[in-house]
PDB file of N, CA and C in Angstrom:
ATOM      1  N   MET A   1       0.816  18.487 -17.414  1.00  0.00           N
ATOM      2  CA  MET A   1       1.921  18.001 -16.722  1.00  0.00           C
ATOM      3  C   MET A   1       1.794  18.136 -15.040  1.00  0.00           C
ATOM      4  N   VAL A   2       1.065  18.808 -14.564  1.00  0.00           N
ATOM      5  CA  VAL A   2       0.718  18.558 -13.049  1.00  0.00           C
ATOM      6  C   VAL A   2       0.266  16.940 -12.587  1.00  0.00           C
ATOM      7  N   ALA A   3      -0.641  16.318 -13.622  1.00  0.00           N
ATOM      8  CA  ALA A   3      -1.802  15.161 -13.493  1.00  0.00           C
ATOM      9  C   ALA A   3      -0.350  14.102 -13.609  1.00  0.00           C
ATOM     10  N   THR A   4       0.733  14.432 -14.678  1.00  0.00           N
ATOM     11  CA  THR A   4       1.372  13.640 -14.472  1.00  0.00           C
ATOM     12  C   THR A   4       2.482  13.451 -13.088  1.00  0.00           C
ATOM     13  N   ILE A   5       2.601  14.856 -12.842  1.00  0.00           N
ATOM     14  CA  ILE A   5       3.762  14.801 -11.439  1.00  0.00           C
ATOM     15  C   ILE A   5       2.586  13.931 -10.267  1.00  0.00           C
ATOM     16  N   ILE A   6       1.467  14.515 -10.230  1.00  0.00           N
ATOM     17  CA  ILE A   6       0.727  13.657  -9.189  1.00  0.00           C
ATOM     18  C   ILE A   6       1.196  12.089  -9.163  1.00  0.00           C
ATOM     19  N   TYR A   7       0.774  11.718 -10.479  1.00  0.00           N
ATOM     20  CA  TYR A   7       0.399  10.477 -10.638  1.00  0.00           C
ATOM     21  C   TYR A   7       2.006   9.399 -10.282  1.00  0.00           C
ATOM     22  N   TRP A   8       3.101  10.366 -10.765  1.00  0.00           N
ATOM     23  CA  TRP A   8       4.123   9.627 -10.264  1.00  0.00           C
ATOM     24  C   TRP A   8       4.799   9.612  -9.252  1.00  0.00           C
ATOM     25  N   GLY A   9       4.489  11.039  -8.480  1.00  0.00           N
ATOM     26  CA  GLY A   9       4.823  11.298  -6.951  1.00  0.00           C
ATOM     27  C   GLY A   9       3.929   9.981  -6.169  1.00  0.00           C
ATOM     28  N   VAL A  10       2.783  10.130  -6.306  1.00  0.00           N
ATOM     29  CA  VAL A  10       1.912   8.933  -5.463  1.00  0.00           C
ATOM     30  C   VAL A  10       2.491   7.694  -5.920  1.00  0.00           C
ATOM     31  N   THR A  11       2.514   7.183  -7.000  1.00  0.00           N
ATOM     32  CA  THR A  11       2.813   6.116  -7.505  1.00  0.00           C
ATOM     33  C   THR A  11       4.527   5.638  -6.563  1.00  0.00           C
ATOM     34  N   CYS A  12       5.355   6.815  -6.574  1.00  0.00           N
ATOM     35  CA  CYS A  12       6.644   6.463  -6.072  1.00  0.00           C
ATOM     36  C   CYS A  12       6.671   6.118  -4.694  1.00  0.00           C
ATOM     37  N   ALA A  13       5.576   7.209  -3.714  1.00  0.00           N
ATOM     38  CA  ALA A  13       5.687   7.170  -2.953  1.00  0.00           C
ATOM     39  C   ALA A  13       4.841   5.969  -2.035  1.00  0.00           C
ATOM     40  N   LEU A  14       3.976   5.146  -2.838  1.00  0.00           N
ATOM     41  CA  LEU A  14       3.095   3.948  -2.407  1.00  0.00           C
ATOM     42  C   LEU A  14       4.399   2.904  -2.676  1.00  0.00           C
ATOM     43  N   ILE A  15       5.351   3.136  -3.392  1.00  0.00           N
ATOM     44  CA  ILE A  15       6.269   2.076  -3.703  1.00  0.00           C
ATOM     45  C   ILE A  15       7.427   2.414  -2.425  1.00  0.00           C
ATOM     46  N   GLY A  16       7.610   3.655  -2.212  1.00  0.00           N
ATOM     47  CA  GLY A  16       8.447   3.945  -0.973  1.00  0.00           C
ATOM     48  C   GLY A  16       7.877   3.038   0.169  1.00  0.00           C
ATOM     49  N   TRP A  17       6.667   3.578   0.739  1.00  0.00           N
ATOM     50  CA  TRP A  17       6.065   3.305   1.756  1.00  0.00           C
ATOM     51  C   TRP A  17       5.775   1.346   1.900  1.00  0.00           C
ATOM     52  N   GLY A  18       5.362   0.947   0.851  1.00  0.00           N
ATOM     53  CA  GLY A  18       5.470  -0.508   0.337  1.00  0.00           C
ATOM     54  C   GLY A  18       6.806  -1.295   0.564  1.00  0.00           C
ATOM     55  N   ILE A  19       8.243  -0.483   0.467  1.00  0.00           N
ATOM     56  CA  ILE A  19       9.404  -1.169   0.465  1.00  0.00           C
ATOM     57  C   ILE A  19       9.644  -1.278   2.032  1.00  0.00           C
ATOM     58  N   TRP A  20       9.437  -0.055   2.655  1.00  0.00           N
ATOM     59  CA  TRP A  20       9.806   0.293   4.320  1.00  0.00           C
ATOM     60  C   TRP A  20       8.910  -0.871   4.952  1.00  0.00           C
ATOM     61  N   SER A  21       7.723  -0.583   4.790  1.00  0.00           N
ATOM     62  CA  SER A  21       6.954  -1.585   5.487  1.00  0.00           C
ATOM     63  C   SER A  21       7.413  -2.886   5.325  1.00  0.00           C
ATOM     64  N   LEU A  22       7.658  -3.759   4.339  1.00  0.00           N
ATOM     65  CA  LEU A  22       8.313  -4.782   3.971  1.00  0.00           C
ATOM     66  C   LEU A  22       9.725  -5.126   4.960  1.00  0.00           C
ATOM     67  N   ILE A  23      10.366  -3.933   4.955  1.00  0.00           N
ATOM     68  CA  ILE A  23      11.802  -4.127   5.962  1.00  0.00           C
ATOM     69  C   ILE A  23      11.238  -3.997   6.996  1.00  0.00           C
ATOM     70  N   PHE A  24      10.429  -3.688   7.385  1.00  0.00           N
ATOM     71  CA  PHE A  24      10.471  -3.624   9.198  1.00  0.00           C
ATOM     72  C   PHE A  24       9.217  -4.659   9.301  1.00  0.00           C
ATOM     73  N   SER A  25       8.565  -4.881   8.361  1.00  0.00           N
ATOM     74  CA  SER A  25       7.648  -6.453   8.919  1.00  0.00           C
ATOM     75  C   SER A  25       9.197  -7.638   9.256  1.00  0.00           C
ATOM     76  N   ILE A  26       9.862  -7.644   7.878  1.00  0.00           N
ATOM     77  CA  ILE A  26      11.374  -8.690   8.257  1.00  0.00           C
ATOM     78  C   ILE A  26      11.761  -8.368   9.721  1.00  0.00           C
ATOM     79  N   ILE A  27      12.168  -7.214   9.855  1.00  0.00           N
ATOM     80  CA  ILE A  27      12.918  -7.138  11.069  1.00  0.00           C
ATOM     81  C   ILE A  27      11.989  -7.465  12.304  1.00  0.00           C
ATOM     82  N   TYR A  28      10.651  -7.295  12.646  1.00  0.00           N
ATOM     83  CA  TYR A  28      10.405  -7.872  13.212  1.00  0.00           C
ATOM     84  C   TYR A  28       9.752  -9.323  13.548  1.00  0.00           C
ATOM     85  N   LEU A  29       9.659  -9.487  12.531  1.00  0.00           N
ATOM     86  CA  LEU A  29       9.368 -10.829  12.207  1.00  0.00           C
ATOM     87  C   LEU A  29      11.111 -11.655  12.939  1.00  0.00           C
ATOM     88  N   LYS A  30      12.142 -10.846  12.758  1.00  0.00           N
ATOM     89  CA  LYS A  30      13.432 -11.442  12.842  1.00  0.00           C
ATOM     90  C   LYS A  30      13.367 -11.469  14.133  1.00  0.00           C
ATOM     91  N   ASN A  31      13.153 -10.328  15.162  1.00  0.00           N
ATOM     92  CA  ASN A  31      13.031 -10.230  16.551  1.00  0.00           C
ATOM     93  C   ASN A  31      12.008 -10.698  17.248  1.00  0.00           C
ATOM     94  N   LYS A  32      11.070 -11.530  16.735  1.00  0.00           N
ATOM     95  CA  LYS A  32       9.899 -12.215  17.220  1.00  0.00           C
ATOM     96  C   LYS A  32       8.993 -11.040  17.831  1.00  0.00           C
ATOM     97  N   GLU A  33       8.836 -10.095  17.404  1.00  0.00           N
ATOM     98  CA  GLU A  33       7.679  -9.138  17.608  1.00  0.00           C
ATOM     99  C   GLU A  33       6.202  -9.034  16.464  1.00  0.00           C
ATOM    100  N   ASN A  34       5.974 -10.073  16.503  1.00  0.00           N
ATOM    101  CA  ASN A  34       4.995 -10.165  15.298  1.00  0.00           C
ATOM    102  C   ASN A  34       3.977  -9.351  15.625  1.00  0.00           C
ATOM    103  N   GLY A  35       3.380  -8.929  17.037  1.00  0.00           N
ATOM    104  CA  GLY A  35       2.254  -7.826  17.243  1.00  0.00           C
ATOM    105  C   GLY A  35       2.378  -6.619  16.476  1.00  0.00           C
ATOM    106  N   ASN A  36       3.718  -5.981  16.342  1.00  0.00           N
ATOM    107  CA  ASN A  36       4.002  -5.275  15.384  1.00  0.00           C
ATOM    108  C   ASN A  36       3.484  -4.771  14.261  1.00  0.00           C
ATOM    109  N   LEU A  37       3.455  -6.318  13.469  1.00  0.00           N
ATOM    110  CA  LEU A  37       2.683  -6.601  12.037  1.00  0.00           C
ATOM    111  C   LEU A  37       1.460  -6.293  12.259  1.00  0.00           C
ATOM    112  N   TRP A  38       0.697  -6.501  12.856  1.00  0.00           N
ATOM    113  CA  TRP A  38      -0.586  -5.542  13.042  1.00  0.00           C
ATOM    114  C   TRP A  38      -0.470  -4.284  12.750  1.00  0.00           C
ATOM    115  N   PHE A  39      -0.063  -3.440  13.215  1.00  0.00           N
ATOM    116  CA  PHE A  39       0.124  -2.010  13.447  1.00  0.00           C
ATOM    117  C   PHE A  39       0.204  -1.522  11.410  1.00  0.00           C
ATOM    118  N   PHE A  40       1.550  -2.053  11.438  1.00  0.00           N
ATOM    119  CA  PHE A  40       1.638  -2.140   9.773  1.00  0.00           C
ATOM    120  C   PHE A  40       0.478  -2.610   8.861  1.00  0.00           C
ATOM    121  N   ALA A  41      -0.435  -3.806   9.220  1.00  0.00           N
ATOM    122  CA  ALA A  41      -1.243  -4.022   8.551  1.00  0.00           C
ATOM    123  C   ALA A  41      -2.616  -3.064   8.258  1.00  0.00           C
ATOM    124  N   ILE A  42      -2.695  -2.335   9.477  1.00  0.00           N
ATOM    125  CA  ILE A  42      -3.484  -1.098   9.571  1.00  0.00           C
ATOM    126  C   ILE A  42      -3.289  -0.091   8.681  1.00  0.00           C
ATOM    127  N   LEU A  43      -1.824   0.374   8.873  1.00  0.00           N
ATOM    128  CA  LEU A  43      -1.661   1.827   7.764  1.00  0.00           C
ATOM    129  C   LEU A  43      -1.271   1.002   6.297  1.00  0.00           C
ATOM    130  N   ASN A  44      -1.032   0.183   6.428  1.00  0.00           N
ATOM    131  CA  ASN A  44      -1.008  -0.864   4.617  1.00  0.00           C
ATOM    132  C   ASN A  44      -2.631  -0.322   4.325  1.00  0.00           C
ATOM    133  N   THR A  45      -3.200  -1.211   5.417  1.00  0.00           N
ATOM    134  CA  THR A  45      -4.522  -1.029   4.532  1.00  0.00           C
ATOM    135  C   THR A  45      -5.033   0.476   4.315  1.00  0.00           C
ATOM    136  N   LEU A  46      -4.901   1.658   4.885  1.00  0.00           N
ATOM    137  CA  LEU A  46      -5.339   2.772   4.528  1.00  0.00           C
ATOM    138  C   LEU A  46      -4.545   3.074   3.437  1.00  0.00           C
ATOM    139  N   ALA A  47      -3.288   2.966   3.475  1.00  0.00           N
ATOM    140  CA  ALA A  47      -2.295   3.185   1.847  1.00  0.00           C
ATOM    141  C   ALA A  47      -2.984   2.559   0.650  1.00  0.00           C
ATOM    142  N   LEU A  48      -3.681   1.710   0.642  1.00  0.00           N
ATOM    143  CA  LEU A  48      -4.160   0.267  -0.195  1.00  0.00           C
ATOM    144  C   LEU A  48      -5.581   1.046  -0.514  1.00  0.00           C
ATOM    145  N   LEU A  49      -6.501   1.477   0.585  1.00  0.00           N
ATOM    146  CA  LEU A  49      -7.520   2.476   0.117  1.00  0.00           C
ATOM    147  C   LEU A  49      -7.282   3.606  -0.543  1.00  0.00           C
ATOM    148  N   PHE A  50      -6.422   4.613  -0.009  1.00  0.00           N
ATOM    149  CA  PHE A  50      -5.639   5.706  -0.816  1.00  0.00           C
ATOM    150  C   PHE A  50      -5.568   5.160  -2.309  1.00  0.00           C
ATOM    151  N   GLY A  51      -4.666   3.968  -2.297  1.00  0.00           N
ATOM    152  CA  GLY A  51      -4.396   3.659  -3.508  1.00  0.00           C
ATOM    153  C   GLY A  51      -5.185   3.272  -4.552  1.00  0.00           C
ATOM    154  N   LEU A  52      -6.212   2.502  -3.991  1.00  0.00           N
ATOM    155  CA  LEU A  52      -7.476   2.207  -4.973  1.00  0.00           C
ATOM    156  C   LEU A  52      -8.097   3.634  -5.445  1.00  0.00           C
ATOM    157  N   LEU A  53      -8.791   4.438  -4.195  1.00  0.00           N
ATOM    158  CA  LEU A  53      -9.138   5.877  -4.734  1.00  0.00           C
ATOM    159  C   LEU A  53      -8.506   6.434  -6.047  1.00  0.00           C
ATOM    160  N   PHE A  54      -7.136   6.815  -5.781  1.00  0.00           N
ATOM    161  CA  PHE A  54      -6.407   7.365  -6.714  1.00  0.00           C
ATOM    162  C   PHE A  54      -6.304   6.506  -8.145  1.00  0.00           C
ATOM    163  N   TRP A  55      -6.405   5.298  -7.960  1.00  0.00           N
ATOM    164  CA  TRP A  55      -6.447   4.600  -9.147  1.00  0.00           C
ATOM    165  C   TRP A  55      -7.530   4.556 -10.186  1.00  0.00           C
ATOM    166  N   TRP A  56      -8.675   4.420  -9.197  1.00  0.00           N
ATOM    167  CA  TRP A  56     -10.112   4.809  -9.490  1.00  0.00           C
ATOM    168  C   TRP A  56     -10.303   6.391 -10.208  1.00  0.00           C
ATOM    169  N   VAL A  57      -9.650   7.197  -9.777  1.00  0.00           N
ATOM    170  CA  VAL A  57      -9.972   8.213 -10.370  1.00  0.00           C
ATOM    171  C   VAL A  57      -8.676   8.728 -11.762  1.00  0.00           C
ATOM    172  N   PHE A  58      -7.743   8.344 -11.589  1.00  0.00           N
ATOM    173  CA  PHE A  58      -6.808   8.198 -12.314  1.00  0.00           C
ATOM    174  C   PHE A  58      -7.241   7.114 -13.836  1.00  0.00           C
ATOM    175  N   ASN A  59      -7.660   6.256 -13.814  1.00  0.00           N
ATOM    176  CA  ASN A  59      -8.108   5.603 -14.957  1.00  0.00           C
ATOM    177  C   ASN A  59      -9.561   6.179 -15.731  1.00  0.00           C
ATOM    178  N   ASN A  60      -9.948   7.525 -15.237  1.00  0.00           N
ATOM    179  CA  ASN A  60     -10.951   7.945 -15.681  1.00  0.00           C
ATOM    180  C   ASN A  60     -10.263   9.173 -16.297  1.00  0.00           C
ATOM    181  N   HIS A  61     -10.282   9.266 -17.746  1.00  0.00           N
ATOM    182  CA  HIS A  61      -9.612  10.617 -18.258  1.00  0.00           C
ATOM    183  C   HIS A  61     -10.978  11.755 -17.876  1.00  0.00           C
ATOM    184  N   ALA A  62     -12.171  11.570 -18.011  1.00  0.00           N
ATOM    185  CA  ALA A  62     -13.091  12.584 -17.686  1.00  0.00           C
ATOM    186  C   ALA A  62     -12.701  12.911 -16.280  1.00  0.00           C
ATOM    187  N   TRP A  63     -12.650  12.202 -14.918  1.00  0.00           N
ATOM    188  CA  TRP A  63     -12.364  13.040 -13.963  1.00  0.00           C
ATOM    189  C   TRP A  63     -11.366  13.665 -13.810  1.00  0.00           C
ATOM    190  N   GLN A  64     -10.316  13.144 -14.534  1.00  0.00           N
ATOM    191  CA  GLN A  64      -8.772  13.668 -14.457  1.00  0.00           C
ATOM    192  C   GLN A  64      -9.088  14.876 -15.136  1.00  0.00           C
ATOM    193  N   GLU A  65      -9.925  15.185 -15.834  1.00  0.00           N
ATOM    194  CA  GLU A  65      -9.625  16.315 -16.471  1.00  0.00           C
ATOM    195  C   GLU A  65     -10.393  17.159 -15.969  1.00  0.00           C
ATOM    196  N   TYR A  66     -11.748  16.776 -14.928  1.00  0.00           N
ATOM    197  CA  TYR A  66     -12.418  17.542 -14.083  1.00  0.00           C
ATOM    198  C   TYR A  66     -11.448  18.124 -12.977  1.00  0.00           C
ATOM    199  N   TRP A  67     -10.820  17.164 -12.288  1.00  0.00           N
ATOM    200  CA  TRP A  67      -9.902  17.623 -10.850  1.00  0.00           C
ATOM    201  C   TRP A  67      -8.450  18.350 -11.455  1.00  0.00           C
ATOM    202  N   LEU A  68      -8.010  17.703 -12.266  1.00  0.00           N
ATOM    203  CA  LEU A  68      -6.792  18.156 -12.657  1.00  0.00           C
ATOM    204  C   LEU A  68      -6.496  19.186 -13.727  1.00  0.00           C
ATOM    205  N   VAL A  69      -7.672  19.129 -14.298  1.00  0.00           N
ATOM    206  CA  VAL A  69      -7.488  20.159 -16.046  1.00  0.00           C
ATOM    207  C   VAL A  69      -7.126  19.198 -17.095  1.00  0.00           C
ATOM    208  N   GLN A  70      -6.201  18.500 -16.836  1.00  0.00           N
ATOM    209  CA  GLN A  70      -5.574  17.438 -18.179  1.00  0.00           C
ATOM    210  C   GLN A  70      -5.554  16.311 -17.825  1.00  0.00           C
ATOM    211  N   ALA A  71      -5.508  15.497 -18.617  1.00  0.00           N
ATOM    212  CA  ALA A  71      -5.225  13.931 -17.898  1.00  0.00           C
ATOM    213  C   ALA A  71      -3.887  13.541 -18.753  1.00  0.00           C
ATOM    214  N   THR A  72      -3.638  12.234 -17.914  1.00  0.00           N
ATOM    215  CA  THR A  72      -2.453  11.477 -18.055  1.00  0.00           C
ATOM    216  C   THR A  72      -2.482  10.077 -18.414  1.00  0.00           C
ATOM    217  N   ALA A  73      -1.572   9.614 -19.054  1.00  0.00           N
ATOM    218  CA  ALA A  73      -1.894   8.121 -19.493  1.00  0.00           C
ATOM    219  C   ALA A  73      -1.500   7.467 -18.398  1.00  0.00           C
ATOM    220  N   THR A  74      -2.236   6.205 -17.877  1.00  0.00           N
ATOM    221  CA  THR A  74      -1.955   5.491 -17.099  1.00  0.00           C
ATOM    222  C   THR A  74      -1.062   3.950 -17.184  1.00  0.00           C
ATOM    223  N   ASN A  75      -0.343   3.415 -16.324  1.00  0.00           N
ATOM    224  CA  ASN A  75      -0.035   2.036 -16.729  1.00  0.00           C
ATOM    225  C   ASN A  75      -0.442   1.044 -15.756  1.00  0.00           C
ATOM    226  N   ARG A  76       0.003  -0.176 -15.765  1.00  0.00           N
ATOM    227  CA  ARG A  76      -0.212  -1.395 -14.891  1.00  0.00           C
ATOM    228  C   ARG A  76       0.702  -1.136 -13.876  1.00  0.00           C
ATOM    229  N   LEU A  77       1.687  -0.022 -13.522  1.00  0.00           N
ATOM    230  CA  LEU A  77       2.178  -0.397 -12.602  1.00  0.00           C
ATOM    231  C   LEU A  77       1.689  -0.155 -11.129  1.00  0.00           C
ATOM    232  N   LEU A  78       0.609   0.680 -11.146  1.00  0.00           N
ATOM    233  CA  LEU A  78       0.160   1.089  -9.851  1.00  0.00           C
ATOM    234  C   LEU A  78      -0.729  -0.238  -9.845  1.00  0.00           C
ATOM    235  N   GLY A  79      -1.646  -0.589 -10.347  1.00  0.00           N
ATOM    236  CA  GLY A  79      -2.291  -1.943 -10.428  1.00  0.00           C
ATOM    237  C   GLY A  79      -1.251  -2.789  -9.461  1.00  0.00           C
ATOM    238  N   SER A  80      -0.486  -3.208  -9.898  1.00  0.00           N
ATOM    239  CA  SER A  80       0.498  -4.327  -9.364  1.00  0.00           C
ATOM    240  C   SER A  80       1.100  -3.771  -7.842  1.00  0.00           C
ATOM    241  N   ILE A  81       0.854  -2.524  -8.098  1.00  0.00           N
ATOM    242  CA  ILE A  81       1.615  -2.101  -6.619  1.00  0.00           C
ATOM    243  C   ILE A  81       0.468  -2.203  -5.524  1.00  0.00           C
ATOM    244  N   LEU A  82      -0.607  -1.863  -6.009  1.00  0.00           N
ATOM    245  CA  LEU A  82      -1.976  -2.496  -4.989  1.00  0.00           C
ATOM    246  C   LEU A  82      -2.287  -4.154  -5.007  1.00  0.00           C
ATOM    247  N   ILE A  83      -2.012  -4.723  -5.801  1.00  0.00           N
ATOM    248  CA  ILE A  83      -1.990  -6.362  -5.783  1.00  0.00           C
ATOM    249  C   ILE A  83      -0.992  -6.450  -4.524  1.00  0.00           C
ATOM    250  N   ALA A  84      -0.005  -5.778  -4.833  1.00  0.00           N
ATOM    251  CA  ALA A  84       1.121  -6.451  -4.052  1.00  0.00           C
ATOM    252  C   ALA A  84       1.047  -5.592  -2.225  1.00  0.00           C
ATOM    253  N   TYR A  85       0.050  -4.800  -2.182  1.00  0.00           N
ATOM    254  CA  TYR A  85       0.187  -4.266  -1.040  1.00  0.00           C
ATOM    255  C   TYR A  85      -0.814  -5.815  -0.414  1.00  0.00           C
ATOM    256  N   VAL A  86      -1.765  -5.816  -1.199  1.00  0.00           N
ATOM    257  CA  VAL A  86      -2.777  -7.029  -0.151  1.00  0.00           C
ATOM    258  C   VAL A  86      -2.169  -7.964  -0.055  1.00  0.00           C
ATOM    259  N   VAL A  87      -1.267  -8.438  -1.118  1.00  0.00           N
ATOM    260  CA  VAL A  87      -0.540  -9.689  -0.339  1.00  0.00           C
ATOM    261  C   VAL A  87       0.308  -9.262   1.016  1.00  0.00           C
ATOM    262  N   LEU A  88       0.817  -8.206   1.117  1.00  0.00           N
ATOM    263  CA  LEU A  88       1.231  -7.931   1.909  1.00  0.00           C
ATOM    264  C   LEU A  88       0.507  -7.412   3.253  1.00  0.00           C
ATOM    265  N   ILE A  89      -0.344  -7.146   2.998  1.00  0.00           N
ATOM    266  CA  ILE A  89      -1.522  -6.928   4.430  1.00  0.00           C
ATOM    267  C   ILE A  89      -2.186  -8.595   4.823  1.00  0.00           C
ATOM    268  N   ILE A  90      -2.446  -9.403   3.757  1.00  0.00           N
ATOM    269  CA  ILE A  90      -2.602 -10.625   4.406  1.00  0.00           C
ATOM    270  C   ILE A  90      -1.351 -11.177   5.093  1.00  0.00           C
ATOM    271  N   ALA A  91      -0.377 -11.012   4.535  1.00  0.00           N
ATOM    272  CA  ALA A  91       0.788 -11.865   5.532  1.00  0.00           C
ATOM    273  C   ALA A  91       1.120 -11.565   6.256  1.00  0.00           C
ATOM    274  N   GLN A  92       1.122  -9.984   6.844  1.00  0.00           N
ATOM    275  CA  GLN A  92       1.116  -9.198   8.136  1.00  0.00           C
ATOM    276  C   GLN A  92       0.240  -9.626   8.893  1.00  0.00           C
ATOM    277  N   VAL A  93      -1.247  -9.890   8.678  1.00  0.00           N
ATOM    278  CA  VAL A  93      -2.380 -10.334   9.337  1.00  0.00           C
ATOM    279  C   VAL A  93      -1.627 -11.814  10.112  1.00  0.00           C
ATOM    280  N   ILE A  94      -1.579 -12.626   9.104  1.00  0.00           N
ATOM    281  CA  ILE A  94      -1.494 -14.465   9.110  1.00  0.00           C
ATOM    282  C   ILE A  94      -0.091 -14.188   9.761  1.00  0.00           C
ATOM    283  N   LEU A  95       0.952 -13.356   9.681  1.00  0.00           N
ATOM    284  CA  LEU A  95       2.029 -13.695  10.573  1.00  0.00           C
ATOM    285  C   LEU A  95       2.058 -13.216  12.041  1.00  0.00           C
ATOM    286  N   GLY A  96       1.398 -11.983  12.165  1.00  0.00           N
ATOM    287  CA  GLY A  96       1.204 -10.769  13.291  1.00  0.00           C
ATOM    288  C   GLY A  96       0.349 -11.508  14.306  1.00  0.00           C
ATOM    289  N   ARG A  97       0.147 -12.976  14.445  1.00  0.00           N
ATOM    290  CA  ARG A  97      -0.542 -13.508  15.384  1.00  0.00           C
ATOM    291  C   ARG A  97       0.439 -14.007  16.482  1.00  0.00           C
ATOM    292  N   GLU A  98       0.126 -13.692  17.815  1.00  0.00           N
ATOM    293  CA  GLU A  98       1.119 -14.296  18.550  1.00  0.00           C
ATOM    294  C   GLU A  98       0.787 -15.330  19.149  1.00  0.00           C
ATOM    295  N   PRO A  99       1.365 -16.201  19.168  1.00  0.00           N
ATOM    296  CA  PRO A  99       0.830 -17.931  20.440  1.00  0.00           C
ATOM    297  C   PRO A  99       0.446 -17.573  21.085  1.00  0.00           C
ATOM    298  N   LYS A 100      -0.435 -18.674  21.510  1.00  0.00           N
ATOM    299  CA  LYS A 100      -1.325 -18.856  23.102  1.00  0.00           C
ATOM    300  C   LYS A 100      -0.077 -18.833  23.611  1.00  0.00           C
ATOM    301  N   ILE A 101      -0.227 -18.172  24.663  1.00  0.00           N
ATOM    302  CA  ILE A 101       0.634 -19.042  26.373  1.00  0.00           C
ATOM    303  C   ILE A 101      -0.383 -20.025  26.738  1.00  0.00           C
ATOM    304  N   LYS A 102       0.374 -21.055  27.395  1.00  0.00           N
ATOM    305  CA  LYS A 102      -0.051 -22.331  27.767  1.00  0.00           C
ATOM    306  C   LYS A 102      -0.050 -22.089  29.278  1.00  0.00           C
ATOM    307  N   SER A 103      -1.651 -22.426  29.845  1.00  0.00           N
ATOM    308  CA  SER A 103      -1.212 -22.507  31.057  1.00  0.00           C
ATOM    309  C   SER A 103      -0.672 -23.477  32.021  1.00  0.00           C
ATOM    310  N   ALA A 104      -0.650 -23.010  33.161  1.00  0.00           N
ATOM    311  CA  ALA A 104       0.036 -24.354  33.700  1.00  0.00           C
ATOM    312  C   ALA A 104      -0.778 -25.572  34.249  1.00  0.00           C
TER     313      ALA A 104
END
């Protein structure tokens, strides 16, 4: 039971943070504040690394039983979220570049 609660809690937290990051990325693009996208790209990279570690542990039932005493079944949702994070990070890095100021 604890493993299931932790799994779905982390999954929902990753979804929530991804949506929050996407909304603010759109707001910053609309306001032409592209430099702020780099900050979100860094935070999303940290979230991606945490998600990959979490996915790695939860895809091995022996590790789940070692750390959480019981195991839970996983699904493809977490993997899809991590792929969406990779796409979001790449988009934030590309769109976060500031145009060079032309000298007189």
